[in-house]
Amino acid sequence: MNIKRAPSFIIVTLVYIVATLAGIFTYLSLDFDVWLSLLIADTVATVVTFIFSLIFKNASVYDPYWSVQPIVILACFAWGRALSVGAIIVICVVAIWALRLTANWAYTFHGLAYQDWRYTMLCEKTGKLYPIINFVGIHMVPTLIVYACTLPAVYLVISDAEFNPVSIIFACVSLLGVTLQAISDIQMHKYRKNRTTPFIRNGLWKHSRHPNYLGEILMWWGVGAFCVVNMPSCWYFIIGAILNNLLFLLVSVPMADGRQSRKEGFEQYKKETRMFFPIKRLR
């Protein structure tokens, strides 16, 4: 669908307003425990977004959901509530991450005429199965993973847990992750404007193939650990960070490396760089 950039922004914004309202209405209509009501509401909002992605024949309508979902959820739970120090800190950390990542999406968003190469590739490979892959793999799996990552922060916001100063360490881990993402994204944008080599080999990318992914991983390990330190009995909340880690290890990295492997010299490049950490390989 050939829709230019500015109108596309308006359309995507309206889609997310509708999805958010659908999620809020669903949550308020339910009387289950917080985790289940939120899960159902989040699923409804995802389904709404999926329907619009079908209307516009573009799965990238879902792309901002990853960064919009957590801060909208936390803002809704924080509304009108007396917040603890821990809750304020975790909300601020997630807000910084969400604003930066959403801004990066907006910068790279070319309009509804363009779709992420990964979705196009999946469509070509899966054929008639693509509608299922689209709904489950592109929409629901990421929603469920970010839901699991956000849930610890939700419980910290609604609890009266006493603030543990040690948790500041993990807030800093998350902010380090955000910083790594920001720097690596800026460096990648500059590289794409003036490609002189098959692979980006400067800055954080000199010794790492995916420093941006490392930033995202650190972000949610930091949030998960921050919440667990303030709510020790909820140790299982770290599951979100684990699932997020697995998503990058099992899906995102293989897809990205698979695409890069088509370029001449990839095997040598892979030998010289680490998957995540921007530290020189020891020969």
C-alpha atoms as a PDB file:
ATOM      1  CA  MET A   1       0.000   0.000   0.000  1.00  0.00           C
ATOM      2  CA  ASN A   2       1.650   3.186  -1.199  1.00  0.00           C
ATOM      3  CA  ILE A   3       1.086   5.688   1.612  1.00  0.00           C
ATOM      4  CA  LYS A   4       3.646   8.427   2.151  1.00  0.00           C
ATOM      5  CA  ARG A   5       5.567   8.982   5.383  1.00  0.00           C
ATOM      6  CA  ALA A   6       3.560  11.781   7.076  1.00  0.00           C
ATOM      7  CA  PRO A   7       0.106  10.221   6.523  1.00  0.00           C
ATOM      8  CA  SER A   8       1.592   6.878   7.582  1.00  0.00           C
ATOM      9  CA  PHE A   9       2.659   8.357  10.928  1.00  0.00           C
ATOM     10  CA  ILE A  10      -0.865   9.599  11.514  1.00  0.00           C
ATOM     11  CA  ILE A  11      -2.363   6.227  10.594  1.00  0.00           C
ATOM     12  CA  VAL A  12       0.024   4.275  12.845  1.00  0.00           C
ATOM     13  CA  THR A  13      -0.648   6.692  15.715  1.00  0.00           C
ATOM     14  CA  LEU A  14      -4.407   6.195  15.325  1.00  0.00           C
ATOM     15  CA  VAL A  15      -3.911   2.416  15.212  1.00  0.00           C
ATOM     16  CA  TYR A  16      -2.098   2.545  18.522  1.00  0.00           C
ATOM     17  CA  ILE A  17      -4.689   4.781  20.109  1.00  0.00           C
ATOM     18  CA  VAL A  18      -7.383   2.283  19.125  1.00  0.00           C
ATOM     19  CA  ALA A  19      -5.264  -0.656  20.347  1.00  0.00           C
ATOM     20  CA  THR A  20      -4.541   1.100  23.653  1.00  0.00           C
ATOM     21  CA  LEU A  21      -8.208   1.922  24.256  1.00  0.00           C
ATOM     22  CA  ALA A  22      -9.171  -1.674  23.414  1.00  0.00           C
ATOM     23  CA  GLY A  23      -6.587  -2.944  25.897  1.00  0.00           C
ATOM     24  CA  ILE A  24      -7.692  -0.576  28.669  1.00  0.00           C
ATOM     25  CA  PHE A  25     -11.377  -1.358  28.133  1.00  0.00           C
ATOM     26  CA  THR A  26     -10.628  -5.087  28.225  1.00  0.00           C
ATOM     27  CA  TYR A  27      -8.595  -4.807  31.420  1.00  0.00           C
ATOM     28  CA  LEU A  28     -11.284  -2.776  33.196  1.00  0.00           C
ATOM     29  CA  SER A  29     -13.919  -5.289  32.114  1.00  0.00           C
ATOM     30  CA  LEU A  30     -12.109  -8.218  33.724  1.00  0.00           C
ATOM     31  CA  ASP A  31     -11.982  -9.324  37.340  1.00  0.00           C
ATOM     32  CA  PHE A  32      -9.031 -11.702  37.331  1.00  0.00           C
ATOM     33  CA  ASP A  33      -5.680 -11.337  39.045  1.00  0.00           C
ATOM     34  CA  VAL A  34      -3.556  -8.484  37.680  1.00  0.00           C
ATOM     35  CA  TRP A  35      -1.216 -10.724  35.693  1.00  0.00           C
ATOM     36  CA  LEU A  36      -4.043 -12.553  33.889  1.00  0.00           C
ATOM     37  CA  SER A  37      -6.192  -9.477  33.229  1.00  0.00           C
ATOM     38  CA  LEU A  38      -3.162  -7.666  31.860  1.00  0.00           C
ATOM     39  CA  LEU A  39      -2.194 -10.646  29.706  1.00  0.00           C
ATOM     40  CA  ILE A  40      -5.678 -10.789  28.146  1.00  0.00           C
ATOM     41  CA  ALA A  41      -5.775  -7.017  27.632  1.00  0.00           C
ATOM     42  CA  ASP A  42      -2.315  -7.053  26.055  1.00  0.00           C
ATOM     43  CA  THR A  43      -3.399  -9.870  23.751  1.00  0.00           C
ATOM     44  CA  VAL A  44      -6.504  -7.924  22.686  1.00  0.00           C
ATOM     45  CA  ALA A  45      -4.387  -4.842  21.900  1.00  0.00           C
ATOM     46  CA  THR A  46      -2.047  -7.030  19.857  1.00  0.00           C
ATOM     47  CA  VAL A  47      -4.948  -8.561  17.934  1.00  0.00           C
ATOM     48  CA  VAL A  48      -6.223  -5.063  17.099  1.00  0.00           C
ATOM     49  CA  THR A  49      -2.757  -4.128  15.823  1.00  0.00           C
ATOM     50  CA  PHE A  50      -2.605  -7.382  13.841  1.00  0.00           C
ATOM     51  CA  ILE A  51      -5.957  -6.649  12.178  1.00  0.00           C
ATOM     52  CA  PHE A  52      -4.679  -3.265  11.030  1.00  0.00           C
ATOM     53  CA  SER A  53      -1.472  -4.885   9.755  1.00  0.00           C
ATOM     54  CA  LEU A  54      -3.696  -7.095   7.576  1.00  0.00           C
ATOM     55  CA  ILE A  55      -5.714  -4.109   6.374  1.00  0.00           C
ATOM     56  CA  PHE A  56      -2.555  -2.286   5.312  1.00  0.00           C
ATOM     57  CA  LYS A  57      -0.839  -5.511   4.190  1.00  0.00           C
ATOM     58  CA  ASN A  58       2.204  -4.598   6.246  1.00  0.00           C
ATOM     59  CA  ALA A  59       3.349  -6.449   9.384  1.00  0.00           C
ATOM     60  CA  SER A  60       5.588  -3.494  10.260  1.00  0.00           C
ATOM     61  CA  VAL A  61       2.498  -1.781  11.671  1.00  0.00           C
ATOM     62  CA  TYR A  62       3.419  -3.842  14.734  1.00  0.00           C
ATOM     63  CA  ASP A  63       7.026  -2.573  14.974  1.00  0.00           C
ATOM     64  CA  PRO A  64       6.452   0.271  17.502  1.00  0.00           C
ATOM     65  CA  TYR A  65       4.476  -2.068  19.787  1.00  0.00           C
ATOM     66  CA  TRP A  66       7.696  -3.384  21.326  1.00  0.00           C
ATOM     67  CA  SER A  67       8.637   0.029  22.743  1.00  0.00           C
ATOM     68  CA  VAL A  68       5.165   1.546  23.218  1.00  0.00           C
ATOM     69  CA  GLN A  69       3.604  -1.369  25.111  1.00  0.00           C
ATOM     70  CA  PRO A  70       5.676  -1.232  28.366  1.00  0.00           C
ATOM     71  CA  ILE A  71       5.466   2.485  29.082  1.00  0.00           C
ATOM     72  CA  VAL A  72       1.733   2.635  28.287  1.00  0.00           C
ATOM     73  CA  ILE A  73       1.120  -0.261  30.676  1.00  0.00           C
ATOM     74  CA  LEU A  74       3.209   1.277  33.470  1.00  0.00           C
ATOM     75  CA  ALA A  75       1.631   4.705  32.974  1.00  0.00           C
ATOM     76  CA  CYS A  76      -1.850   3.209  33.299  1.00  0.00           C
ATOM     77  CA  PHE A  77      -0.982   1.409  36.537  1.00  0.00           C
ATOM     78  CA  ALA A  78       0.822   4.439  37.961  1.00  0.00           C
ATOM     79  CA  TRP A  79      -2.073   6.825  37.245  1.00  0.00           C
ATOM     80  CA  GLY A  80      -3.452   8.267  40.498  1.00  0.00           C
ATOM     81  CA  ARG A  81      -1.301   5.986  42.662  1.00  0.00           C
ATOM     82  CA  ALA A  82       1.142   6.972  45.413  1.00  0.00           C
ATOM     83  CA  LEU A  83       4.405   5.573  44.062  1.00  0.00           C
ATOM     84  CA  SER A  84       7.351   4.188  45.985  1.00  0.00           C
ATOM     85  CA  VAL A  85      10.920   5.267  45.240  1.00  0.00           C
ATOM     86  CA  GLY A  86      11.553   1.957  43.471  1.00  0.00           C
ATOM     87  CA  ALA A  87       8.457   2.350  41.322  1.00  0.00           C
ATOM     88  CA  ILE A  88       9.431   5.873  40.290  1.00  0.00           C
ATOM     89  CA  ILE A  89      12.927   4.744  39.324  1.00  0.00           C
ATOM     90  CA  VAL A  90      11.768   1.762  37.258  1.00  0.00           C
ATOM     91  CA  ILE A  91       9.145   3.878  35.472  1.00  0.00           C
ATOM     92  CA  CYS A  92      11.788   6.490  34.628  1.00  0.00           C
ATOM     93  CA  VAL A  93      14.182   3.826  33.305  1.00  0.00           C
ATOM     94  CA  VAL A  94      11.501   2.242  31.121  1.00  0.00           C
ATOM     95  CA  ALA A  95      10.350   5.689  29.922  1.00  0.00           C
ATOM     96  CA  ILE A  96      13.889   6.629  28.840  1.00  0.00           C
ATOM     97  CA  TRP A  97      14.234   3.321  27.004  1.00  0.00           C
ATOM     98  CA  ALA A  98      10.788   3.618  25.388  1.00  0.00           C
ATOM     99  CA  LEU A  99      11.266   7.205  24.205  1.00  0.00           C
ATOM    100  CA  ARG A 100      14.671   6.458  22.712  1.00  0.00           C
ATOM    101  CA  LEU A 101      13.632   3.249  20.970  1.00  0.00           C
ATOM    102  CA  THR A 102      10.386   4.750  19.654  1.00  0.00           C
ATOM    103  CA  ALA A 103      12.321   7.767  18.381  1.00  0.00           C
ATOM    104  CA  ASN A 104      14.710   5.414  16.594  1.00  0.00           C
ATOM    105  CA  TRP A 105      11.751   3.616  15.007  1.00  0.00           C
ATOM    106  CA  ALA A 106      10.300   6.960  13.889  1.00  0.00           C
ATOM    107  CA  TYR A 107      13.650   7.967  12.371  1.00  0.00           C
ATOM    108  CA  THR A 108      13.835   4.770  10.320  1.00  0.00           C
ATOM    109  CA  PHE A 109      10.122   4.626   9.449  1.00  0.00           C
ATOM    110  CA  HIS A 110       9.656   5.218   5.722  1.00  0.00           C
ATOM    111  CA  GLY A 111       5.900   4.823   5.587  1.00  0.00           C
ATOM    112  CA  LEU A 112       3.389   2.018   5.147  1.00  0.00           C
ATOM    113  CA  ALA A 113       4.741   1.300   1.682  1.00  0.00           C
ATOM    114  CA  TYR A 114       7.776  -0.302   3.346  1.00  0.00           C
ATOM    115  CA  GLN A 115       7.932  -3.499   5.393  1.00  0.00           C
ATOM    116  CA  ASP A 116      10.765  -4.882   7.514  1.00  0.00           C
ATOM    117  CA  TRP A 117      12.928  -7.216   5.386  1.00  0.00           C
ATOM    118  CA  ARG A 118      12.521  -9.995   7.952  1.00  0.00           C
ATOM    119  CA  TYR A 119       8.758 -10.111   7.491  1.00  0.00           C
ATOM    120  CA  THR A 120       9.064 -10.108   3.722  1.00  0.00           C
ATOM    121  CA  MET A 121      11.589 -12.937   3.932  1.00  0.00           C
ATOM    122  CA  LEU A 122       9.274 -14.956   6.196  1.00  0.00           C
ATOM    123  CA  CYS A 123       6.401 -14.378   3.799  1.00  0.00           C
ATOM    124  CA  GLU A 124       8.456 -15.651   0.871  1.00  0.00           C
ATOM    125  CA  LYS A 125       9.706 -18.706   2.787  1.00  0.00           C
ATOM    126  CA  THR A 126       6.450 -19.781   4.454  1.00  0.00           C
ATOM    127  CA  GLY A 127       3.951 -19.101   1.656  1.00  0.00           C
ATOM    128  CA  LYS A 128       0.426 -20.127   2.661  1.00  0.00           C
ATOM    129  CA  LEU A 129       1.523 -20.539   6.280  1.00  0.00           C
ATOM    130  CA  TYR A 130       2.547 -16.890   6.499  1.00  0.00           C
ATOM    131  CA  PRO A 131      -0.734 -15.640   8.079  1.00  0.00           C
ATOM    132  CA  ILE A 132      -0.099 -18.001  11.013  1.00  0.00           C
ATOM    133  CA  ILE A 133       3.591 -17.056  11.199  1.00  0.00           C
ATOM    134  CA  ASN A 134       2.570 -13.406  11.016  1.00  0.00           C
ATOM    135  CA  PHE A 135       0.127 -13.628  13.920  1.00  0.00           C
ATOM    136  CA  VAL A 136       2.082 -16.000  16.163  1.00  0.00           C
ATOM    137  CA  GLY A 137       5.717 -15.247  15.364  1.00  0.00           C
ATOM    138  CA  ILE A 138       5.688 -11.568  14.416  1.00  0.00           C
ATOM    139  CA  HIS A 139       2.920 -10.341  16.711  1.00  0.00           C
ATOM    140  CA  MET A 140       2.119 -12.614  19.659  1.00  0.00           C
ATOM    141  CA  VAL A 141       5.554 -13.976  20.614  1.00  0.00           C
ATOM    142  CA  PRO A 142       7.167 -10.518  20.968  1.00  0.00           C
ATOM    143  CA  THR A 143       4.083  -9.263  22.834  1.00  0.00           C
ATOM    144  CA  LEU A 144       4.282 -12.129  25.318  1.00  0.00           C
ATOM    145  CA  ILE A 145       8.017 -11.661  25.834  1.00  0.00           C
ATOM    146  CA  VAL A 146       7.767  -7.930  26.476  1.00  0.00           C
ATOM    147  CA  TYR A 147       4.737  -8.603  28.678  1.00  0.00           C
ATOM    148  CA  ALA A 148       6.911 -10.964  30.741  1.00  0.00           C
ATOM    149  CA  CYS A 149       9.668  -8.324  30.874  1.00  0.00           C
ATOM    150  CA  THR A 150       7.239  -5.583  31.951  1.00  0.00           C
ATOM    151  CA  LEU A 151       5.267  -7.591  34.522  1.00  0.00           C
ATOM    152  CA  PRO A 152       7.900  -7.267  37.311  1.00  0.00           C
ATOM    153  CA  ALA A 153       7.774  -3.483  36.963  1.00  0.00           C
ATOM    154  CA  VAL A 154       3.961  -3.577  37.091  1.00  0.00           C
ATOM    155  CA  TYR A 155       4.003  -5.466  40.381  1.00  0.00           C
ATOM    156  CA  LEU A 156       6.613  -3.111  41.802  1.00  0.00           C
ATOM    157  CA  VAL A 157       4.386  -0.155  40.879  1.00  0.00           C
ATOM    158  CA  ILE A 158       1.294  -1.614  42.569  1.00  0.00           C
ATOM    159  CA  SER A 159       3.122  -3.028  45.603  1.00  0.00           C
ATOM    160  CA  ASP A 160       4.263  -1.359  48.809  1.00  0.00           C
ATOM    161  CA  ALA A 161       7.700  -2.988  48.624  1.00  0.00           C
ATOM    162  CA  GLU A 162      10.407  -1.211  50.591  1.00  0.00           C
ATOM    163  CA  PHE A 163      13.101   0.316  48.401  1.00  0.00           C
ATOM    164  CA  ASN A 164      16.435  -1.488  48.445  1.00  0.00           C
ATOM    165  CA  PRO A 165      19.308   0.883  47.525  1.00  0.00           C
ATOM    166  CA  VAL A 166      21.278  -2.058  46.086  1.00  0.00           C
ATOM    167  CA  SER A 167      18.787  -2.136  43.212  1.00  0.00           C
ATOM    168  CA  ILE A 168      20.290   1.112  41.889  1.00  0.00           C
ATOM    169  CA  ILE A 169      23.082  -1.044  40.460  1.00  0.00           C
ATOM    170  CA  PHE A 170      20.576  -2.775  38.199  1.00  0.00           C
ATOM    171  CA  ALA A 171      18.913   0.477  37.175  1.00  0.00           C
ATOM    172  CA  CYS A 172      22.372   1.509  35.994  1.00  0.00           C
ATOM    173  CA  VAL A 173      22.679  -1.778  34.058  1.00  0.00           C
ATOM    174  CA  SER A 174      19.451  -0.916  32.229  1.00  0.00           C
ATOM    175  CA  LEU A 175      20.647   2.624  31.497  1.00  0.00           C
ATOM    176  CA  LEU A 176      23.924   1.196  30.237  1.00  0.00           C
ATOM    177  CA  GLY A 177      21.869  -0.971  27.885  1.00  0.00           C
ATOM    178  CA  VAL A 178      19.923   2.058  26.649  1.00  0.00           C
ATOM    179  CA  THR A 179      23.189   3.933  26.088  1.00  0.00           C
ATOM    180  CA  LEU A 180      24.696   1.044  24.124  1.00  0.00           C
ATOM    181  CA  GLN A 181      21.575   0.876  21.960  1.00  0.00           C
ATOM    182  CA  ALA A 182      21.608   4.609  21.308  1.00  0.00           C
ATOM    183  CA  ILE A 183      25.286   4.755  20.374  1.00  0.00           C
ATOM    184  CA  SER A 184      25.166   1.647  18.186  1.00  0.00           C
ATOM    185  CA  ASP A 185      22.027   2.850  16.376  1.00  0.00           C
ATOM    186  CA  ILE A 186      23.570   6.251  15.658  1.00  0.00           C
ATOM    187  CA  GLN A 187      26.735   4.600  14.371  1.00  0.00           C
ATOM    188  CA  MET A 188      24.689   2.279  12.142  1.00  0.00           C
ATOM    189  CA  HIS A 189      22.654   5.183  10.711  1.00  0.00           C
ATOM    190  CA  LYS A 190      25.882   7.001   9.796  1.00  0.00           C
ATOM    191  CA  TYR A 191      27.297   3.856   8.177  1.00  0.00           C
ATOM    192  CA  ARG A 192      24.178   3.287   6.065  1.00  0.00           C
ATOM    193  CA  LYS A 193      24.324   6.825   4.701  1.00  0.00           C
ATOM    194  CA  ASN A 194      27.788   6.251   3.270  1.00  0.00           C
ATOM    195  CA  ARG A 195      28.618   2.554   2.915  1.00  0.00           C
ATOM    196  CA  THR A 196      32.254   2.026   2.007  1.00  0.00           C
ATOM    197  CA  THR A 197      32.663  -1.512   3.374  1.00  0.00           C
ATOM    198  CA  PRO A 198      30.420  -4.602   3.335  1.00  0.00           C
ATOM    199  CA  PHE A 199      30.295  -4.625   7.150  1.00  0.00           C
ATOM    200  CA  ILE A 200      30.320  -1.803   9.680  1.00  0.00           C
ATOM    201  CA  ARG A 201      33.685  -1.970  11.464  1.00  0.00           C
ATOM    202  CA  ASN A 202      33.894   1.113  13.640  1.00  0.00           C
ATOM    203  CA  GLY A 203      32.757   2.208  17.094  1.00  0.00           C
ATOM    204  CA  LEU A 204      30.861  -0.421  19.062  1.00  0.00           C
ATOM    205  CA  TRP A 205      30.532  -2.440  15.854  1.00  0.00           C
ATOM    206  CA  LYS A 206      34.289  -2.871  15.455  1.00  0.00           C
ATOM    207  CA  HIS A 207      34.377  -5.970  17.629  1.00  0.00           C
ATOM    208  CA  SER A 208      30.647  -6.786  17.946  1.00  0.00           C
ATOM    209  CA  ARG A 209      28.112  -7.880  15.342  1.00  0.00           C
ATOM    210  CA  HIS A 210      25.091  -6.956  17.478  1.00  0.00           C
ATOM    211  CA  PRO A 211      25.868  -4.293  20.118  1.00  0.00           C
ATOM    212  CA  ASN A 212      22.303  -2.981  19.760  1.00  0.00           C
ATOM    213  CA  TYR A 213      20.930  -6.390  20.738  1.00  0.00           C
ATOM    214  CA  LEU A 214      23.273  -6.451  23.735  1.00  0.00           C
ATOM    215  CA  GLY A 215      21.761  -3.145  24.831  1.00  0.00           C
ATOM    216  CA  GLU A 216      18.239  -4.552  24.678  1.00  0.00           C
ATOM    217  CA  ILE A 217      19.271  -7.649  26.610  1.00  0.00           C
ATOM    218  CA  LEU A 218      20.948  -5.579  29.350  1.00  0.00           C
ATOM    219  CA  MET A 219      17.903  -3.308  29.562  1.00  0.00           C
ATOM    220  CA  TRP A 220      15.552  -6.092  30.610  1.00  0.00           C
ATOM    221  CA  TRP A 221      18.025  -7.984  32.782  1.00  0.00           C
ATOM    222  CA  GLY A 222      18.480  -4.711  34.664  1.00  0.00           C
ATOM    223  CA  VAL A 223      14.729  -4.136  35.061  1.00  0.00           C
ATOM    224  CA  GLY A 224      14.107  -7.741  36.111  1.00  0.00           C
ATOM    225  CA  ALA A 225      16.908  -7.762  38.668  1.00  0.00           C
ATOM    226  CA  PHE A 226      15.907  -4.292  39.946  1.00  0.00           C
ATOM    227  CA  CYS A 227      12.392  -5.513  40.707  1.00  0.00           C
ATOM    228  CA  VAL A 228      13.516  -8.815  42.238  1.00  0.00           C
ATOM    229  CA  VAL A 229      15.937  -7.047  44.578  1.00  0.00           C
ATOM    230  CA  ASN A 230      13.049  -4.879  45.798  1.00  0.00           C
ATOM    231  CA  MET A 231      10.662  -7.877  45.920  1.00  0.00           C
ATOM    232  CA  PRO A 232      12.903 -10.887  46.810  1.00  0.00           C
ATOM    233  CA  SER A 233       9.997 -13.320  47.068  1.00  0.00           C
ATOM    234  CA  CYS A 234       9.215 -12.700  43.383  1.00  0.00           C
ATOM    235  CA  TRP A 235      12.488 -14.193  42.101  1.00  0.00           C
ATOM    236  CA  TYR A 236      10.587 -15.863  39.249  1.00  0.00           C
ATOM    237  CA  PHE A 237      10.010 -12.454  37.644  1.00  0.00           C
ATOM    238  CA  ILE A 238      13.438 -12.795  36.073  1.00  0.00           C
ATOM    239  CA  ILE A 239      11.828 -15.167  33.527  1.00  0.00           C
ATOM    240  CA  GLY A 240      11.052 -12.202  31.245  1.00  0.00           C
ATOM    241  CA  ALA A 241      14.735 -11.323  30.879  1.00  0.00           C
ATOM    242  CA  ILE A 242      15.547 -14.970  30.161  1.00  0.00           C
ATOM    243  CA  LEU A 243      12.889 -15.203  27.436  1.00  0.00           C
ATOM    244  CA  ASN A 244      14.091 -11.938  25.918  1.00  0.00           C
ATOM    245  CA  ASN A 245      17.640 -13.303  25.884  1.00  0.00           C
ATOM    246  CA  LEU A 246      16.466 -16.464  24.120  1.00  0.00           C
ATOM    247  CA  LEU A 247      14.548 -14.457  21.517  1.00  0.00           C
ATOM    248  CA  PHE A 248      17.739 -12.713  20.439  1.00  0.00           C
ATOM    249  CA  LEU A 249      19.906 -15.833  20.621  1.00  0.00           C
ATOM    250  CA  LEU A 250      17.504 -18.135  18.782  1.00  0.00           C
ATOM    251  CA  VAL A 251      15.708 -15.780  16.378  1.00  0.00           C
ATOM    252  CA  SER A 252      17.087 -12.256  15.942  1.00  0.00           C
ATOM    253  CA  VAL A 253      20.809 -13.079  15.732  1.00  0.00           C
ATOM    254  CA  PRO A 254      20.418 -16.083  13.377  1.00  0.00           C
ATOM    255  CA  MET A 255      18.192 -14.034  11.042  1.00  0.00           C
ATOM    256  CA  ALA A 256      20.543 -11.055  10.993  1.00  0.00           C
ATOM    257  CA  ASP A 257      23.664 -13.190  10.570  1.00  0.00           C
ATOM    258  CA  GLY A 258      21.910 -15.252   7.902  1.00  0.00           C
ATOM    259  CA  ARG A 259      21.287 -12.135   5.855  1.00  0.00           C
ATOM    260  CA  GLN A 260      24.844 -10.882   6.350  1.00  0.00           C
ATOM    261  CA  SER A 261      26.266 -14.280   5.372  1.00  0.00           C
ATOM    262  CA  ARG A 262      25.286 -13.574   1.760  1.00  0.00           C
ATOM    263  CA  LYS A 263      28.060 -10.996   1.625  1.00  0.00           C
ATOM    264  CA  GLU A 264      31.572 -11.974   0.627  1.00  0.00           C
ATOM    265  CA  GLY A 265      33.931 -12.123   3.593  1.00  0.00           C
ATOM    266  CA  PHE A 266      31.282 -12.860   6.218  1.00  0.00           C
ATOM    267  CA  GLU A 267      33.047 -15.907   7.676  1.00  0.00           C
ATOM    268  CA  GLN A 268      36.220 -13.888   8.246  1.00  0.00           C
ATOM    269  CA  TYR A 269      34.176 -11.029   9.694  1.00  0.00           C
ATOM    270  CA  LYS A 270      32.426 -13.478  12.036  1.00  0.00           C
ATOM    271  CA  LYS A 271      35.759 -14.871  13.219  1.00  0.00           C
ATOM    272  CA  GLU A 272      37.007 -11.383  14.022  1.00  0.00           C
ATOM    273  CA  THR A 273      33.930 -10.206  15.947  1.00  0.00           C
ATOM    274  CA  ARG A 274      31.956 -11.333  18.966  1.00  0.00           C
ATOM    275  CA  MET A 275      28.208 -11.850  18.859  1.00  0.00           C
ATOM    276  CA  PHE A 276      27.392  -9.236  21.495  1.00  0.00           C
ATOM    277  CA  PHE A 277      30.224  -7.813  23.581  1.00  0.00           C
ATOM    278  CA  PRO A 278      32.212  -5.046  21.827  1.00  0.00           C
ATOM    279  CA  ILE A 279      35.515  -6.455  23.061  1.00  0.00           C
ATOM    280  CA  LYS A 280      38.329  -7.553  20.765  1.00  0.00           C
ATOM    281  CA  ARG A 281      38.536 -11.311  20.239  1.00  0.00           C
ATOM    282  CA  LEU A 282      41.625 -13.005  21.609  1.00  0.00           C
ATOM    283  CA  ARG A 283      43.371 -14.884  18.833  1.00  0.00           C
END
